[in-house]
Amino acid sequence: MRKHKKVTPKIIITSILSIILGLVFLSPFYIIVVNSFKSKKELFESTLALPHQFILDNYKEALNELEFFKSFSHSLIITVASIILLLIFSSMAAWMLERTKSKLSNIIFMIFVFSMIVPFQSVMLPLVKLMGQLNMLNMVGIVFMYLGFGSSMSIFLYHGFIKSIPRELDEAAMIDGCNKFQTFFYIIFPLLKPISITVAILNTTWIWNDYLLPSLVINKPNTLTIPLKTFFFFGEYTKQWNLALAGLVLVVIPVIVFYFIAQKYIIKSITAGSIK
């Protein structure tokens, strides 16, 4: 017979606080979605109230103003290319750093860890100047910059996860005649699926929503990403909040869909990565 868990005041208080905290975190999403269906006049009358009439024209106009499918393809190309490079190179680097026990490998790993706290604003001007000299202020250049800025955290996450993979697998593959590349891609990399999806989610959210780096690097109107296009809803003398909010809903939907598809791997990877 199943035993019912006793409800204590502590559990009740914890549940109430959890619900309140959840509502606080969800409130921005509620405000964005609700106001995206309002007219400009109704939006300024009350931002919290439900719309008297749901206006779908905001989304139609936002699609046109954003050149949604064109800018969506630019964001998608940059994000997918950056994520693929991050997953491959970060996992390879983390594997070699974890398996190579030496002072040099420890120093290199600590450099990656320390670089996580370096703010982008402190290096953005020299970086943009350098990329301009290399003629890489374009979509290709920004992919390489995302690889550089995202590799530190990615290597840190992969490094912790790889500790849970027995070294005997590497040795068995070597005995069977595999070289290092074959050992990694055939044996190790498939085992990194949970942490790879976690790394992909974290970096996708960052790269997809990033505004600052694309605004510095992508300077051609025909290659603008979605975050850059949404900026045009805010002019010097007027701000089209109803269209901007509709555009933000369109921008965030792909990330939410991707997150819900892959979320089951996050807890699994964190748990596995904590075990040596």
Protein backbone atom coordinates (compact mmCIF):
# COMPACT_ATOMS: atom_id res chain seq x y z
CA MET A 1 0.00 0.00 0.00
CA ARG A 2 1.37 3.38 -1.03
CA LYS A 3 2.22 5.72 1.82
CA HIS A 4 0.97 9.27 1.39
CA LYS A 5 3.57 11.93 2.06
CA LYS A 6 2.63 14.04 5.05
CA VAL A 7 1.92 17.64 4.16
CA THR A 8 3.81 19.88 6.55
CA PRO A 9 3.79 23.69 6.88
CA LYS A 10 7.30 23.72 5.44
CA ILE A 11 6.13 21.98 2.25
CA ILE A 12 3.15 24.34 1.93
CA ILE A 13 5.32 27.45 2.35
CA THR A 14 7.90 26.10 -0.11
CA SER A 15 5.19 25.35 -2.68
CA ILE A 16 3.64 28.83 -2.33
CA LEU A 17 7.04 30.52 -2.66
CA SER A 18 7.84 28.38 -5.72
CA ILE A 19 4.56 29.37 -7.37
CA ILE A 20 5.16 33.07 -6.63
CA LEU A 21 8.72 32.85 -7.95
CA GLY A 22 7.51 31.07 -11.09
CA LEU A 23 4.91 33.76 -11.73
CA VAL A 24 7.54 36.48 -11.28
CA PHE A 25 9.79 34.86 -13.89
CA LEU A 26 6.88 34.27 -16.28
CA SER A 27 5.50 37.80 -15.98
CA PRO A 28 7.78 39.30 -18.68
CA PHE A 29 6.63 36.65 -21.14
CA TYR A 30 3.01 37.38 -20.27
CA ILE A 31 3.54 41.11 -20.85
CA ILE A 32 5.27 40.54 -24.18
CA VAL A 33 2.69 38.09 -25.56
CA VAL A 34 -0.40 39.97 -24.33
CA ASN A 35 0.76 43.36 -25.58
CA SER A 36 1.79 41.97 -28.95
CA PHE A 37 -1.94 41.61 -29.76
CA LYS A 38 -2.90 45.16 -28.75
CA SER A 39 -3.12 48.36 -30.72
CA LYS A 40 -0.61 51.07 -29.90
CA LYS A 41 -3.24 53.14 -28.07
CA GLU A 42 -4.51 50.20 -26.00
CA LEU A 43 -0.96 49.16 -25.11
CA PHE A 44 -0.25 52.53 -23.46
CA GLU A 45 -3.56 52.49 -21.60
CA SER A 46 -2.73 49.28 -19.71
CA THR A 47 0.17 46.89 -20.19
CA LEU A 48 -1.14 44.20 -17.82
CA ALA A 49 -4.74 43.91 -18.98
CA LEU A 50 -5.84 41.45 -21.64
CA PRO A 51 -6.58 43.04 -25.05
CA HIS A 52 -10.19 43.92 -25.85
CA GLN A 53 -9.60 42.48 -29.28
CA PHE A 54 -6.69 40.32 -30.41
CA ILE A 55 -5.06 42.13 -33.35
CA LEU A 56 -3.20 39.74 -35.66
CA ASP A 57 -2.22 42.59 -37.97
CA ASN A 58 0.68 43.34 -35.63
CA TYR A 59 2.25 40.04 -36.58
CA LYS A 60 1.61 40.52 -40.29
CA GLU A 61 3.19 43.96 -40.23
CA ALA A 62 6.07 42.76 -38.06
CA LEU A 63 6.78 39.97 -40.55
CA ASN A 64 7.01 42.52 -43.35
CA GLU A 65 9.02 45.08 -41.38
CA LEU A 66 11.49 42.46 -40.16
CA GLU A 67 11.80 40.85 -43.59
CA PHE A 68 11.37 37.88 -41.31
CA PHE A 69 12.25 34.94 -43.52
CA LYS A 70 15.33 36.68 -44.92
CA SER A 71 16.67 37.82 -41.55
CA PHE A 72 15.63 34.47 -40.03
CA SER A 73 17.79 32.64 -42.57
CA HIS A 74 20.77 34.88 -41.71
CA SER A 75 20.36 34.22 -37.98
CA LEU A 76 19.89 30.51 -38.63
CA ILE A 77 23.02 30.21 -40.78
CA ILE A 78 25.18 32.08 -38.25
CA THR A 79 23.77 30.15 -35.27
CA VAL A 80 23.98 26.68 -36.84
CA ALA A 81 27.49 27.21 -38.22
CA SER A 82 28.71 28.60 -34.88
CA ILE A 83 27.17 25.75 -32.88
CA ILE A 84 28.60 23.05 -35.14
CA LEU A 85 32.11 24.51 -34.87
CA LEU A 86 31.75 25.00 -31.11
CA LEU A 87 30.62 21.41 -30.53
CA ILE A 88 33.41 19.90 -32.61
CA PHE A 89 36.40 22.00 -31.57
CA SER A 90 35.41 22.50 -27.91
CA SER A 91 34.80 18.79 -27.35
CA MET A 92 38.09 17.86 -29.02
CA ALA A 93 40.01 20.42 -26.97
CA ALA A 94 38.35 19.35 -23.71
CA TRP A 95 39.07 15.67 -24.43
CA MET A 96 42.75 16.29 -25.06
CA LEU A 97 43.10 18.58 -22.03
CA GLU A 98 41.44 16.04 -19.74
CA ARG A 99 43.31 13.02 -21.07
CA THR A 100 46.71 14.76 -21.19
CA LYS A 101 47.87 15.06 -17.61
CA SER A 102 50.64 17.64 -17.57
CA LYS A 103 51.33 21.09 -16.17
CA LEU A 104 50.91 22.62 -19.62
CA SER A 105 47.44 21.10 -20.12
CA ASN A 106 46.38 22.34 -16.68
CA ILE A 107 47.65 25.84 -17.47
CA ILE A 108 45.84 25.89 -20.82
CA PHE A 109 42.61 24.71 -19.18
CA MET A 110 42.87 27.37 -16.48
CA ILE A 111 43.41 30.03 -19.16
CA PHE A 112 40.13 28.95 -20.76
CA VAL A 113 38.39 29.07 -17.37
CA PHE A 114 39.75 32.52 -16.50
CA SER A 115 38.82 33.88 -19.93
CA MET A 116 35.16 33.25 -19.06
CA ILE A 117 35.22 36.29 -16.76
CA VAL A 118 36.71 38.65 -19.36
CA PRO A 119 33.89 41.00 -20.47
CA PHE A 120 33.34 41.32 -24.20
CA GLN A 121 33.25 45.12 -23.97
CA SER A 122 36.92 45.19 -22.97
CA VAL A 123 38.08 43.52 -26.19
CA MET A 124 35.40 44.45 -28.73
CA LEU A 125 37.15 47.52 -30.22
CA PRO A 126 40.56 45.84 -30.81
CA LEU A 127 38.74 42.76 -32.10
CA VAL A 128 36.61 44.68 -34.60
CA LYS A 129 39.70 46.62 -35.76
CA LEU A 130 41.63 43.37 -36.29
CA MET A 131 38.75 41.68 -38.15
CA GLY A 132 38.40 44.78 -40.31
CA GLN A 133 42.09 44.54 -41.28
CA LEU A 134 41.52 40.88 -42.18
CA ASN A 135 38.45 41.86 -44.24
CA MET A 136 36.25 39.59 -42.11
CA LEU A 137 33.52 41.98 -40.99
CA ASN A 138 30.88 39.65 -42.43
CA MET A 139 28.92 36.50 -41.61
CA VAL A 140 32.02 34.31 -41.84
CA GLY A 141 33.95 36.55 -39.47
CA ILE A 142 31.19 36.61 -36.86
CA VAL A 143 31.03 32.79 -36.85
CA PHE A 144 34.73 32.63 -35.97
CA MET A 145 34.25 35.25 -33.27
CA TYR A 146 31.42 33.26 -31.72
CA LEU A 147 33.70 30.22 -31.80
CA GLY A 148 36.34 32.15 -29.87
CA PHE A 149 33.99 33.68 -27.29
CA GLY A 150 31.93 30.52 -26.76
CA SER A 151 34.75 28.00 -26.53
CA SER A 152 35.76 28.83 -22.93
CA MET A 153 32.45 27.87 -21.32
CA SER A 154 31.96 24.97 -23.74
CA ILE A 155 35.38 23.48 -22.96
CA PHE A 156 34.71 23.89 -19.23
CA LEU A 157 31.42 21.94 -19.51
CA TYR A 158 32.87 19.24 -21.76
CA HIS A 159 35.91 18.85 -19.49
CA GLY A 160 33.74 18.05 -16.48
CA PHE A 161 31.64 15.55 -18.43
CA ILE A 162 34.58 13.72 -20.00
CA LYS A 163 35.89 12.90 -16.51
CA SER A 164 32.98 10.45 -16.19
CA ILE A 165 34.05 8.53 -19.32
CA PRO A 166 36.49 5.69 -18.46
CA ARG A 167 39.98 5.96 -19.92
CA GLU A 168 39.79 2.25 -20.71
CA LEU A 169 37.58 3.08 -23.71
CA ASP A 170 40.36 5.19 -25.21
CA GLU A 171 42.94 2.49 -24.57
CA ALA A 172 40.72 -0.25 -26.05
CA ALA A 173 40.20 1.82 -29.20
CA MET A 174 43.95 2.40 -29.54
CA ILE A 175 44.62 -1.34 -29.14
CA ASP A 176 42.10 -2.03 -31.90
CA GLY A 177 44.09 0.20 -34.23
CA CYS A 178 42.20 3.52 -34.01
CA ASN A 179 44.14 6.73 -34.24
CA LYS A 180 43.23 9.73 -32.08
CA PHE A 181 40.68 11.14 -34.53
CA GLN A 182 38.95 7.77 -34.93
CA THR A 183 38.96 7.24 -31.17
CA PHE A 184 37.35 10.60 -30.60
CA PHE A 185 34.73 10.60 -33.36
CA TYR A 186 33.76 6.90 -33.16
CA ILE A 187 34.05 6.25 -29.42
CA ILE A 188 34.10 9.47 -27.35
CA PHE A 189 31.98 11.96 -29.28
CA PRO A 190 28.81 9.77 -29.37
CA LEU A 191 29.02 9.48 -25.57
CA LEU A 192 29.01 13.29 -25.30
CA LYS A 193 25.47 13.63 -26.66
CA PRO A 194 23.86 14.87 -23.40
CA ILE A 195 26.45 17.55 -22.69
CA SER A 196 26.64 18.46 -26.39
CA ILE A 197 22.93 19.26 -26.37
CA THR A 198 23.36 21.33 -23.20
CA VAL A 199 26.23 23.26 -24.77
CA ALA A 200 24.14 23.72 -27.92
CA ILE A 201 21.16 25.08 -25.96
CA LEU A 202 23.22 27.56 -23.95
CA ASN A 203 25.12 28.86 -26.96
CA THR A 204 22.07 28.89 -29.24
CA THR A 205 20.20 31.11 -26.81
CA TRP A 206 23.16 33.49 -26.62
CA ILE A 207 24.02 33.61 -30.32
CA TRP A 208 20.43 33.77 -31.58
CA ASN A 209 19.54 36.70 -29.31
CA ASP A 210 22.87 38.55 -29.52
CA TYR A 211 22.68 42.15 -30.69
CA LEU A 212 26.00 43.78 -29.75
CA LEU A 213 28.46 41.66 -31.75
CA PRO A 214 26.39 41.55 -34.98
CA SER A 215 25.85 45.32 -34.74
CA LEU A 216 29.64 45.77 -34.77
CA VAL A 217 30.49 43.18 -37.40
CA ILE A 218 27.60 42.87 -39.85
CA ASN A 219 27.41 46.21 -41.62
CA LYS A 220 25.55 45.30 -44.81
CA PRO A 221 21.74 45.79 -44.91
CA ASN A 222 21.19 42.54 -46.84
CA THR A 223 22.84 40.38 -44.13
CA LEU A 224 21.16 41.69 -40.97
CA THR A 225 20.04 39.19 -38.32
CA ILE A 226 16.66 39.25 -36.56
CA PRO A 227 17.87 41.10 -33.40
CA LEU A 228 19.35 43.81 -35.64
CA LYS A 229 16.12 44.13 -37.61
CA THR A 230 14.01 44.51 -34.46
CA PHE A 231 16.04 47.63 -33.62
CA PHE A 232 14.33 49.47 -36.48
CA PHE A 233 11.04 49.46 -34.56
CA PHE A 234 12.62 52.04 -32.23
CA GLY A 235 13.16 55.34 -33.99
CA GLU A 236 14.41 58.68 -32.69
CA TYR A 237 10.94 60.15 -32.31
CA THR A 238 8.65 57.14 -32.19
CA LYS A 239 8.68 53.63 -30.81
CA GLN A 240 6.40 50.98 -32.32
CA TRP A 241 6.03 48.87 -29.20
CA ASN A 242 3.12 46.80 -30.50
CA LEU A 243 5.10 45.75 -33.59
CA ALA A 244 8.32 45.32 -31.62
CA LEU A 245 6.64 42.97 -29.13
CA ALA A 246 5.08 40.96 -31.96
CA GLY A 247 8.53 40.73 -33.53
CA LEU A 248 10.07 39.60 -30.23
CA VAL A 249 7.52 36.80 -29.96
CA LEU A 250 8.47 35.65 -33.47
CA VAL A 251 12.16 35.82 -32.56
CA VAL A 252 11.91 33.81 -29.34
CA ILE A 253 9.67 31.00 -30.67
CA PRO A 254 12.48 29.02 -32.42
CA VAL A 255 14.64 29.04 -29.27
CA ILE A 256 11.74 27.89 -27.08
CA VAL A 257 10.90 25.06 -29.49
CA PHE A 258 14.53 23.95 -29.59
CA TYR A 259 14.76 24.09 -25.79
CA PHE A 260 11.66 21.95 -25.21
CA ILE A 261 12.88 19.37 -27.70
CA ALA A 262 16.27 19.03 -26.00
CA GLN A 263 15.54 19.86 -22.34
CA LYS A 264 15.54 16.24 -21.13
CA TYR A 265 19.29 16.04 -21.74
CA ILE A 266 20.19 19.00 -19.52
CA ILE A 267 19.68 17.34 -16.12
CA LYS A 268 21.25 14.14 -17.41
CA SER A 269 24.39 15.94 -18.55
CA ILE A 270 24.73 17.95 -15.33
CA THR A 271 24.40 14.80 -13.22
CA ALA A 272 26.85 12.83 -15.33
CA GLY A 273 29.32 15.68 -15.47
CA SER A 274 29.51 15.85 -11.69
CA ILE A 275 30.74 12.25 -11.44
CA LYS A 276 34.43 11.58 -11.92
